[in-house]
PDB file of all heavy atoms in Angstrom:
ATOM      1  N   GLY A   1      30.323  25.046  65.460  1.00  0.00           N
ATOM      2  CA  GLY A   1      31.249  24.366  66.361  1.00  0.00           C
ATOM      3  C   GLY A   1      30.925  24.635  67.816  1.00  0.00           C
ATOM      4  O   GLY A   1      30.975  23.727  68.657  1.00  0.00           O
ATOM      5  N   ALA A   2      30.577  25.891  68.112  1.00  0.00           N
ATOM      6  CA  ALA A   2      30.250  26.264  69.496  1.00  0.00           C
ATOM      7  C   ALA A   2      28.983  25.561  69.972  1.00  0.00           C
ATOM      8  O   ALA A   2      28.908  25.101  71.121  1.00  0.00           O
ATOM      9  CB  ALA A   2      30.088  27.779  69.592  1.00  0.00           C
ATOM     10  N   LEU A   3      27.992  25.463  69.108  1.00  0.00           N
ATOM     11  CA  LEU A   3      26.732  24.807  69.485  1.00  0.00           C
ATOM     12  C   LEU A   3      26.941  23.313  69.714  1.00  0.00           C
ATOM     13  O   LEU A   3      26.414  22.746  70.675  1.00  0.00           O
ATOM     14  CB  LEU A   3      25.670  25.039  68.406  1.00  0.00           C
ATOM     15  CG  LEU A   3      25.123  26.470  68.294  1.00  0.00           C
ATOM     16  CD1 LEU A   3      24.188  26.598  67.098  1.00  0.00           C
ATOM     17  CD2 LEU A   3      24.397  26.880  69.576  1.00  0.00           C
ATOM     18  N   VAL A   4      27.705  22.673  68.839  1.00  0.00           N
ATOM     19  CA  VAL A   4      27.977  21.243  69.006  1.00  0.00           C
ATOM     20  C   VAL A   4      28.697  20.994  70.336  1.00  0.00           C
ATOM     21  O   VAL A   4      28.329  20.102  71.109  1.00  0.00           O
ATOM     22  CB  VAL A   4      28.813  20.692  67.830  1.00  0.00           C
ATOM     23  CG1 VAL A   4      29.349  19.288  68.147  1.00  0.00           C
ATOM     24  CG2 VAL A   4      27.971  20.650  66.556  1.00  0.00           C
ATOM     25  N   GLY A   5      29.725  21.792  70.614  1.00  0.00           N
ATOM     26  CA  GLY A   5      30.473  21.636  71.852  1.00  0.00           C
ATOM     27  C   GLY A   5      29.597  21.802  73.081  1.00  0.00           C
ATOM     28  O   GLY A   5      29.626  20.981  74.006  1.00  0.00           O
ATOM     29  N   SER A   6      28.791  22.866  73.083  1.00  0.00           N
ATOM     30  CA  SER A   6      27.958  23.139  74.259  1.00  0.00           C
ATOM     31  C   SER A   6      26.900  22.054  74.460  1.00  0.00           C
ATOM     32  O   SER A   6      26.605  21.656  75.592  1.00  0.00           O
ATOM     33  CB  SER A   6      27.303  24.521  74.142  1.00  0.00           C
ATOM     34  OG  SER A   6      26.460  24.594  73.015  1.00  0.00           O
ATOM     35  N   LYS A   7      26.325  21.529  73.366  1.00  0.00           N
ATOM     36  CA  LYS A   7      25.309  20.471  73.478  1.00  0.00           C
ATOM     37  C   LYS A   7      25.906  19.167  74.002  1.00  0.00           C
ATOM     38  O   LYS A   7      25.246  18.404  74.710  1.00  0.00           O
ATOM     39  CB  LYS A   7      24.661  20.213  72.109  1.00  0.00           C
ATOM     40  CG  LYS A   7      23.849  21.378  71.556  1.00  0.00           C
ATOM     41  CD  LYS A   7      22.477  21.460  72.172  1.00  0.00           C
ATOM     42  CE  LYS A   7      21.641  22.527  71.458  1.00  0.00           C
ATOM     43  NZ  LYS A   7      20.297  22.632  72.053  1.00  0.00           N
ATOM     44  N   LEU A   8      27.190  18.925  73.626  1.00  0.00           N
ATOM     45  CA  LEU A   8      27.853  17.689  74.068  1.00  0.00           C
ATOM     46  C   LEU A   8      28.595  17.886  75.393  1.00  0.00           C
ATOM     47  O   LEU A   8      29.325  17.005  75.839  1.00  0.00           O
ATOM     48  CB  LEU A   8      28.824  17.195  72.990  1.00  0.00           C
ATOM     49  CG  LEU A   8      28.191  16.711  71.679  1.00  0.00           C
ATOM     50  CD1 LEU A   8      29.266  16.355  70.663  1.00  0.00           C
ATOM     51  CD2 LEU A   8      27.275  15.518  71.923  1.00  0.00           C
ATOM     52  N   LYS A   9      28.412  19.077  75.981  1.00  0.00           N
ATOM     53  CA  LYS A   9      29.042  19.412  77.276  1.00  0.00           C
ATOM     54  C   LYS A   9      30.571  19.341  77.221  1.00  0.00           C
ATOM     55  O   LYS A   9      31.232  18.922  78.170  1.00  0.00           O
ATOM     56  CB  LYS A   9      28.493  18.521  78.394  1.00  0.00           C
ATOM     57  CG  LYS A   9      26.996  18.746  78.650  1.00  0.00           C
ATOM     58  CD  LYS A   9      26.493  17.901  79.803  1.00  0.00           C
ATOM     59  CE  LYS A   9      25.082  18.315  80.235  1.00  0.00           C
ATOM     60  NZ  LYS A   9      24.101  18.405  79.159  1.00  0.00           N
ATOM     61  N   ILE A  10      31.108  19.765  76.067  1.00  0.00           N
ATOM     62  CA  ILE A  10      32.566  19.884  75.916  1.00  0.00           C
ATOM     63  C   ILE A  10      32.887  21.370  75.930  1.00  0.00           C
ATOM     64  O   ILE A  10      32.265  22.148  75.181  1.00  0.00           O
ATOM     65  CB  ILE A  10      33.046  19.229  74.609  1.00  0.00           C
ATOM     66  CG1 ILE A  10      32.783  17.722  74.667  1.00  0.00           C
ATOM     67  CG2 ILE A  10      34.536  19.509  74.372  1.00  0.00           C
ATOM     68  CD1 ILE A  10      32.975  17.011  73.360  1.00  0.00           C
ATOM     69  N   PRO A  11      33.828  21.825  76.763  1.00  0.00           N
ATOM     70  CA  PRO A  11      34.133  23.258  76.840  1.00  0.00           C
ATOM     71  C   PRO A  11      34.541  23.831  75.474  1.00  0.00           C
ATOM     72  O   PRO A  11      35.270  23.183  74.714  1.00  0.00           O
ATOM     73  CB  PRO A  11      35.303  23.329  77.825  1.00  0.00           C
ATOM     74  CG  PRO A  11      35.244  22.062  78.594  1.00  0.00           C
ATOM     75  CD  PRO A  11      34.654  21.029  77.676  1.00  0.00           C
ATOM     76  N   VAL A  12      34.042  25.021  75.193  1.00  0.00           N
ATOM     77  CA  VAL A  12      34.346  25.713  73.943  1.00  0.00           C
ATOM     78  C   VAL A  12      35.228  26.926  74.241  1.00  0.00           C
ATOM     79  O   VAL A  12      34.950  27.686  75.176  1.00  0.00           O
ATOM     80  CB  VAL A  12      33.052  26.181  73.234  1.00  0.00           C
ATOM     81  CG1 VAL A  12      33.371  27.012  71.993  1.00  0.00           C
ATOM     82  CG2 VAL A  12      32.184  24.980  72.867  1.00  0.00           C
ATOM     83  N   ALA A  13      36.292  27.085  73.466  1.00  0.00           N
ATOM     84  CA  ALA A  13      37.155  28.266  73.563  1.00  0.00           C
ATOM     85  C   ALA A  13      36.987  29.083  72.295  1.00  0.00           C
ATOM     86  O   ALA A  13      37.038  28.539  71.185  1.00  0.00           O
ATOM     87  CB  ALA A  13      38.610  27.848  73.739  1.00  0.00           C
ATOM     88  N   HIS A  14      36.777  30.401  72.453  1.00  0.00           N
ATOM     89  CA  HIS A  14      36.526  31.277  71.306  1.00  0.00           C
ATOM     90  C   HIS A  14      37.657  32.289  71.153  1.00  0.00           C
ATOM     91  O   HIS A  14      37.866  33.130  72.036  1.00  0.00           O
ATOM     92  CB  HIS A  14      35.182  32.001  71.495  1.00  0.00           C
ATOM     93  CG  HIS A  14      34.788  32.844  70.325  1.00  0.00           C
ATOM     94  ND1 HIS A  14      33.887  33.900  70.426  1.00  0.00           N
ATOM     95  CD2 HIS A  14      35.167  32.810  69.018  1.00  0.00           C
ATOM     96  CE1 HIS A  14      33.730  34.453  69.238  1.00  0.00           C
ATOM     97  NE2 HIS A  14      34.501  33.810  68.367  1.00  0.00           N
ATOM     98  N   VAL A  15      38.387  32.181  70.055  1.00  0.00           N
ATOM     99  CA  VAL A  15      39.432  33.151  69.738  1.00  0.00           C
ATOM    100  C   VAL A  15      38.789  34.318  68.985  1.00  0.00           C
ATOM    101  O   VAL A  15      38.083  34.104  68.001  1.00  0.00           O
ATOM    102  CB  VAL A  15      40.538  32.510  68.867  1.00  0.00           C
ATOM    103  CG1 VAL A  15      41.520  33.570  68.375  1.00  0.00           C
ATOM    104  CG2 VAL A  15      41.274  31.435  69.644  1.00  0.00           C
ATOM    105  N   GLU A  16      39.038  35.527  69.446  1.00  0.00           N
ATOM    106  CA  GLU A  16      38.452  36.768  68.917  1.00  0.00           C
ATOM    107  C   GLU A  16      37.055  36.979  69.505  1.00  0.00           C
ATOM    108  O   GLU A  16      36.109  37.386  68.824  1.00  0.00           O
ATOM    109  CB  GLU A  16      38.400  36.768  67.387  1.00  0.00           C
ATOM    110  CG  GLU A  16      38.476  38.159  66.771  1.00  0.00           C
ATOM    111  CD  GLU A  16      38.611  38.125  65.259  1.00  0.00           C
ATOM    112  OE1 GLU A  16      37.587  38.073  64.558  1.00  0.00           O
ATOM    113  OE2 GLU A  16      39.764  38.150  64.788  1.00  0.00           O
ATOM    114  N   ALA A  17      36.946  36.737  70.790  1.00  0.00           N
ATOM    115  CA  ALA A  17      35.677  36.927  71.501  1.00  0.00           C
ATOM    116  C   ALA A  17      35.458  38.403  71.833  1.00  0.00           C
ATOM    117  O   ALA A  17      36.407  39.187  71.919  1.00  0.00           O
ATOM    118  CB  ALA A  17      35.677  36.112  72.789  1.00  0.00           C
ATOM    119  N   GLY A  18      34.187  38.774  72.023  1.00  0.00           N
ATOM    120  CA  GLY A  18      33.848  40.108  72.522  1.00  0.00           C
ATOM    121  C   GLY A  18      33.743  41.205  71.485  1.00  0.00           C
ATOM    122  O   GLY A  18      33.466  42.354  71.827  1.00  0.00           O
ATOM    123  N   ILE A  19      33.932  40.885  70.206  1.00  0.00           N
ATOM    124  CA  ILE A  19      33.780  41.905  69.158  1.00  0.00           C
ATOM    125  C   ILE A  19      32.289  42.175  68.970  1.00  0.00           C
ATOM    126  O   ILE A  19      31.495  41.241  68.879  1.00  0.00           O
ATOM    127  CB  ILE A  19      34.388  41.411  67.822  1.00  0.00           C
ATOM    128  CG1 ILE A  19      35.848  40.995  68.009  1.00  0.00           C
ATOM    129  CG2 ILE A  19      34.271  42.488  66.747  1.00  0.00           C
ATOM    130  CD1 ILE A  19      36.732  42.073  68.537  1.00  0.00           C
ATOM    131  N   ARG A  20      31.918  43.434  68.907  1.00  0.00           N
ATOM    132  CA  ARG A  20      30.519  43.804  68.713  1.00  0.00           C
ATOM    133  C   ARG A  20      30.404  44.897  67.666  1.00  0.00           C
ATOM    134  O   ARG A  20      31.243  45.805  67.608  1.00  0.00           O
ATOM    135  CB  ARG A  20      29.890  44.276  70.029  1.00  0.00           C
ATOM    136  CG  ARG A  20      29.797  43.196  71.095  1.00  0.00           C
ATOM    137  CD  ARG A  20      28.840  42.090  70.705  1.00  0.00           C
ATOM    138  NE  ARG A  20      28.713  41.052  71.718  1.00  0.00           N
ATOM    139  CZ  ARG A  20      29.426  39.915  71.723  1.00  0.00           C
ATOM    140  NH1 ARG A  20      30.323  39.686  70.784  1.00  0.00           N
ATOM    141  NH2 ARG A  20      29.230  39.011  72.675  1.00  0.00           N
ATOM    142  N   GLN A  21      29.345  44.812  66.852  1.00  0.00           N
ATOM    143  CA  GLN A  21      29.186  45.744  65.741  1.00  0.00           C
ATOM    144  C   GLN A  21      27.716  45.867  65.354  1.00  0.00           C
ATOM    145  O   GLN A  21      26.978  44.884  65.397  1.00  0.00           O
ATOM    146  CB  GLN A  21      30.002  45.226  64.537  1.00  0.00           C
ATOM    147  CG  GLN A  21      29.970  46.116  63.311  1.00  0.00           C
ATOM    148  CD  GLN A  21      30.780  45.517  62.166  1.00  0.00           C
ATOM    149  OE1 GLN A  21      31.401  44.472  62.300  1.00  0.00           O
ATOM    150  NE2 GLN A  21      30.779  46.191  61.036  1.00  0.00           N
ATOM    151  N   LYS A  22      27.301  47.054  65.000  1.00  0.00           N
ATOM    152  CA  LYS A  22      25.963  47.266  64.439  1.00  0.00           C
ATOM    153  C   LYS A  22      26.049  47.105  62.921  1.00  0.00           C
ATOM    154  O   LYS A  22      27.086  47.361  62.331  1.00  0.00           O
ATOM    155  CB  LYS A  22      25.466  48.670  64.792  1.00  0.00           C
ATOM    156  CG  LYS A  22      25.245  48.872  66.287  1.00  0.00           C
ATOM    157  CD  LYS A  22      24.858  50.315  66.571  1.00  0.00           C
ATOM    158  CE  LYS A  22      24.711  50.538  68.089  1.00  0.00           C
ATOM    159  NZ  LYS A  22      24.454  51.937  68.402  1.00  0.00           N
ATOM    160  N   PRO A  23      24.928  46.705  62.260  1.00  0.00           N
ATOM    161  CA  PRO A  23      23.625  46.383  62.828  1.00  0.00           C
ATOM    162  C   PRO A  23      23.637  45.029  63.533  1.00  0.00           C
ATOM    163  O   PRO A  23      24.367  44.127  63.146  1.00  0.00           O
ATOM    164  CB  PRO A  23      22.703  46.367  61.608  1.00  0.00           C
ATOM    165  CG  PRO A  23      23.591  46.008  60.461  1.00  0.00           C
ATOM    166  CD  PRO A  23      24.924  46.628  60.778  1.00  0.00           C
ATOM    167  N   LYS A  24      22.806  44.907  64.569  1.00  0.00           N
ATOM    168  CA  LYS A  24      22.808  43.711  65.398  1.00  0.00           C
ATOM    169  C   LYS A  24      22.234  42.486  64.685  1.00  0.00           C
ATOM    170  O   LYS A  24      22.380  41.367  65.154  1.00  0.00           O
ATOM    171  CB  LYS A  24      22.012  43.948  66.690  1.00  0.00           C
ATOM    172  CG  LYS A  24      22.467  45.147  67.512  1.00  0.00           C
ATOM    173  CD  LYS A  24      23.967  45.206  67.752  1.00  0.00           C
ATOM    174  CE  LYS A  24      24.429  44.309  68.858  1.00  0.00           C
ATOM    175  NZ  LYS A  24      25.899  44.423  69.097  1.00  0.00           N
ATOM    176  N   ASP A  25      21.564  42.723  63.528  1.00  0.00           N
ATOM    177  CA  ASP A  25      20.970  41.583  62.826  1.00  0.00           C
ATOM    178  C   ASP A  25      21.870  41.036  61.715  1.00  0.00           C
ATOM    179  O   ASP A  25      21.469  40.154  60.960  1.00  0.00           O
ATOM    180  CB  ASP A  25      19.599  41.961  62.248  1.00  0.00           C
ATOM    181  CG  ASP A  25      19.675  43.094  61.220  1.00  0.00           C
ATOM    182  OD1 ASP A  25      20.772  43.665  61.026  1.00  0.00           O
ATOM    183  OD2 ASP A  25      18.633  43.401  60.610  1.00  0.00           O
ATOM    184  N   MET A  26      23.096  41.552  61.597  1.00  0.00           N
ATOM    185  CA  MET A  26      23.988  41.021  60.568  1.00  0.00           C
ATOM    186  C   MET A  26      24.458  39.624  60.989  1.00  0.00           C
ATOM    187  O   MET A  26      24.640  39.352  62.177  1.00  0.00           O
ATOM    188  CB  MET A  26      25.172  41.962  60.308  1.00  0.00           C
ATOM    189  CG  MET A  26      26.115  42.166  61.468  1.00  0.00           C
ATOM    190  SD  MET A  26      27.300  43.511  61.186  1.00  0.00           S
ATOM    191  CE  MET A  26      28.419  42.726  60.043  1.00  0.00           C
ATOM    192  N   PRO A  27      24.612  38.699  60.029  1.00  0.00           N
ATOM    193  CA  PRO A  27      24.940  37.309  60.368  1.00  0.00           C
ATOM    194  C   PRO A  27      26.179  37.169  61.257  1.00  0.00           C
ATOM    195  O   PRO A  27      26.169  36.378  62.212  1.00  0.00           O
ATOM    196  CB  PRO A  27      25.174  36.657  58.998  1.00  0.00           C
ATOM    197  CG  PRO A  27      24.393  37.494  58.042  1.00  0.00           C
ATOM    198  CD  PRO A  27      24.448  38.891  58.576  1.00  0.00           C
ATOM    199  N   GLU A  28      27.230  37.935  60.960  1.00  0.00           N
ATOM    200  CA  GLU A  28      28.462  37.822  61.744  1.00  0.00           C
ATOM    201  C   GLU A  28      28.235  38.212  63.201  1.00  0.00           C
ATOM    202  O   GLU A  28      28.795  37.603  64.114  1.00  0.00           O
ATOM    203  CB  GLU A  28      29.564  38.703  61.142  1.00  0.00           C
ATOM    204  CG  GLU A  28      30.023  38.307  59.760  1.00  0.00           C
ATOM    205  CD  GLU A  28      29.164  38.880  58.641  1.00  0.00           C
ATOM    206  OE1 GLU A  28      28.123  39.514  58.925  1.00  0.00           O
ATOM    207  OE2 GLU A  28      29.529  38.700  57.474  1.00  0.00           O
ATOM    208  N   GLU A  29      27.420  39.240  63.424  1.00  0.00           N
ATOM    209  CA  GLU A  29      27.150  39.700  64.789  1.00  0.00           C
ATOM    210  C   GLU A  29      26.357  38.644  65.561  1.00  0.00           C
ATOM    211  O   GLU A  29      26.638  38.371  66.737  1.00  0.00           O
ATOM    212  CB  GLU A  29      26.386  41.026  64.755  1.00  0.00           C
ATOM    213  CG  GLU A  29      26.100  41.635  66.111  1.00  0.00           C
ATOM    214  CD  GLU A  29      27.330  42.158  66.836  1.00  0.00           C
ATOM    215  OE1 GLU A  29      28.438  42.132  66.259  1.00  0.00           O
ATOM    216  OE2 GLU A  29      27.198  42.586  67.997  1.00  0.00           O
ATOM    217  N   ILE A  30      25.384  38.043  64.905  1.00  0.00           N
ATOM    218  CA  ILE A  30      24.599  36.977  65.536  1.00  0.00           C
ATOM    219  C   ILE A  30      25.528  35.814  65.915  1.00  0.00           C
ATOM    220  O   ILE A  30      25.467  35.283  67.026  1.00  0.00           O
ATOM    221  CB  ILE A  30      23.482  36.492  64.588  1.00  0.00           C
ATOM    222  CG1 ILE A  30      22.455  37.620  64.367  1.00  0.00           C
ATOM    223  CG2 ILE A  30      22.798  35.235  65.129  1.00  0.00           C
ATOM    224  CD1 ILE A  30      21.524  37.401  63.200  1.00  0.00           C
ATOM    225  N   ASN A  31      26.417  35.443  64.995  1.00  0.00           N
ATOM    226  CA  ASN A  31      27.349  34.338  65.259  1.00  0.00           C
ATOM    227  C   ASN A  31      28.268  34.657  66.442  1.00  0.00           C
ATOM    228  O   ASN A  31      28.521  33.807  67.296  1.00  0.00           O
ATOM    229  CB  ASN A  31      28.195  34.052  64.013  1.00  0.00           C
ATOM    230  CG  ASN A  31      27.380  33.465  62.868  1.00  0.00           C
ATOM    231  OD1 ASN A  31      26.285  32.958  63.072  1.00  0.00           O
ATOM    232  ND2 ASN A  31      27.911  33.539  61.660  1.00  0.00           N
ATOM    233  N   ARG A  32      28.778  35.901  66.498  1.00  0.00           N
ATOM    234  CA  ARG A  32      29.679  36.300  67.591  1.00  0.00           C
ATOM    235  C   ARG A  32      28.975  36.210  68.946  1.00  0.00           C
ATOM    236  O   ARG A  32      29.510  35.638  69.902  1.00  0.00           O
ATOM    237  CB  ARG A  32      30.119  37.760  67.410  1.00  0.00           C
ATOM    238  CG  ARG A  32      31.056  38.048  66.283  1.00  0.00           C
ATOM    239  CD  ARG A  32      31.258  39.563  66.202  1.00  0.00           C
ATOM    240  NE  ARG A  32      31.892  39.937  64.953  1.00  0.00           N
ATOM    241  CZ  ARG A  32      31.520  40.953  64.187  1.00  0.00           C
ATOM    242  NH1 ARG A  32      30.508  41.724  64.541  1.00  0.00           N
ATOM    243  NH2 ARG A  32      32.164  41.225  63.073  1.00  0.00           N
ATOM    244  N   VAL A  33      27.818  36.824  69.017  1.00  0.00           N
ATOM    245  CA  VAL A  33      27.104  36.924  70.296  1.00  0.00           C
ATOM    246  C   VAL A  33      26.735  35.538  70.815  1.00  0.00           C
ATOM    247  O   VAL A  33      26.978  35.209  71.988  1.00  0.00           O
ATOM    248  CB  VAL A  33      25.845  37.813  70.159  1.00  0.00           C
ATOM    249  CG1 VAL A  33      25.012  37.768  71.440  1.00  0.00           C
ATOM    250  CG2 VAL A  33      26.241  39.255  69.834  1.00  0.00           C
ATOM    251  N   LEU A  34      26.144  34.712  69.960  1.00  0.00           N
ATOM    252  CA  LEU A  34      25.729  33.374  70.387  1.00  0.00           C
ATOM    253  C   LEU A  34      26.928  32.524  70.780  1.00  0.00           C
ATOM    254  O   LEU A  34      26.882  31.786  71.777  1.00  0.00           O
ATOM    255  CB  LEU A  34      24.923  32.687  69.274  1.00  0.00           C
ATOM    256  CG  LEU A  34      23.569  33.335  68.942  1.00  0.00           C
ATOM    257  CD1 LEU A  34      22.902  32.614  67.782  1.00  0.00           C
ATOM    258  CD2 LEU A  34      22.647  33.334  70.153  1.00  0.00           C
TER     259      LEU A  34
END
């Protein structure tokens, strides 16, 4: 959803932003950061 919004130049709002966790290569962490 975030990628579609950003590509179409529609502002994206993220609820539960800023959560960070190791390991950095886990799918959820990649999704959060991007």
